[in-house]
Amino acid sequence: MRNFLLGGVCAFALMGSVALFAAPNKVGGLQSSDTYKQLNLFGEIFERVRNDYYKETKDEQLMENAINGMLTALDPYSIYMPPRSFQEARVQTRGEFGGLGLEVTMENGLVKVVSPIDDTPAQRAGMLPGDIITHLDGDPVLGKTLQEAIEKMRGAPNSKIVLTVRRGSDASAKPLDVSVIRAVIKTRVVRSRREDDVAYLRLSSFNEHTTQDMVAAIERLKQEIGPNLKGYVIDLRDNPGGLLDQAISVSDSFLNQGEIVSTRSLRPNADEGQRVNAKRGDVTDGKPIAVLINGGSASASEIVAGALQDHHRAVLVGNTTFGKGLVQTMIPLGEFGGMKLTTAGYFTPSGRSIDKTGIAPDVEVWSDRDRQIAAALKARRELNGHRETEDEAAAAKPAETGKPADAGNPATPTAPATSMKPEEGAQDVVLQAALELLRAPPKSTAKK
């Protein structure tokens, strides 16, 4: 069974020789001999390294490095996972795993933090989305694969690791040493509470239990608040994503009809992909919804935010999301472990691809922490040679005023015309802005 995350050709190393098998590669209807020539080249290089390299090598490690090189050159999210790592990755989607509590990717040979997970050692130690990890206990990350770096970050509970971190846009700034105590990570992905007449729900990731836990929390808050319930805040800030089917079912919980997301390959002549539509039934009974987002909201979070925004079902409050619009598939490889391969791009109901650009909010509100995250992400894009478009540059700058939501939908709160720029030092200014929107009188659309 394959798990789709929002994160063939097999090579077998044999003692004494290398056997490589590949399906014929057809180009323009003809078999290409170039593929076989390249495979022969690989085999020759493999043998040269085994026999002539100045230090002893292990066949298994050479092959693993070769496979990793092929996958990591594709994109930051495709990786090979040895048996132990593959099993741990599958356990993680079930909601319990060991380590620091970081969602990470690889960028320019270094480990980049997508987001720390709520209530984990990494978050308590102050790690932020966009942080670049350069050393692990003084050992350089450069030269390691992502999986090797992840395995080094894992360890026995209560043991310490020191992460050397580059933060922000100033390349000359002194790196930070962050000490983190490892723990068994048991992710409680849904937290909820009453904010007077508003129900607040925080979703920290999308694992197998997210939708059912969220619906249970909504039902409890309905009973607790009663008929005075004004609306719902769904907090997706710093949510790094997770399972695609959970992002779909969470979105479906608030929609009665229409497309939620489409996925399709970007390869020429590929099939049209898949479209997923909502079924009838809104767990909130049509109450207004505000969704909180920031630069740490990625992947599955962006599917939810994009679907609710395109259907004018919710107003998005905060700042532009991470921009990960690619779907990974977990592919088992038997005794060799498995791989996580990018197999499709996803698109919001209006046809937007948000990869590398993210989803912009309807009402921009910035906390000091969000500015740190945005600065770090902007610096990383610039290091990658990514030149901002005018839209991206505007999204990276705190807005002075809010952008009104769709006033024609009574289920969507309307942004007031006053400035939404938060006061410095205010406590959770993004949440407070969302609460004000939900409590604002609906804008009259009656004709005079």
Foldseek 3Di string as FASTA:
>chain_A
DKFKWLQPFDWDDDPPAGDGDDDFDDDPNHTDCVVVVVVVVVRVVLVCCCPPPPDHDDRVVVVQVVQQVVQCVVDFRWGDDFAVRLVQVVVVLVFWHWFFQFRWTDAPQWIFTLFGFPPGQCVVLPDGHLKTFQDKQNHGSRPPGPNVVRVSRGDDAQDKIWTWIDFFQDPPDHTDTTITGIDIGGHPQWDWDDPQQETEIEGQEFHPCRLVVVLVSLVVVCVVNDPSRLYYEYEQELRQYTTQVRLVSNLLQADAWAWQKFKFAPDPPGDPGDIDMHHGHHSGVLHAYEYEYAQSRGRSSLSNVLQCQVVLLYFYFEAFYNASFWMWMWAADPNRRTITHTDTGMAGRVGDGRHPQGDGGQFHEYAPSRLRNLRSSVSSCVVVVNDDDPVSVVRSDGDQAGHFGPLVRPNYFTQDGHTLYDDHPDDPSRVVSRVCRSPDPRDDPDDD
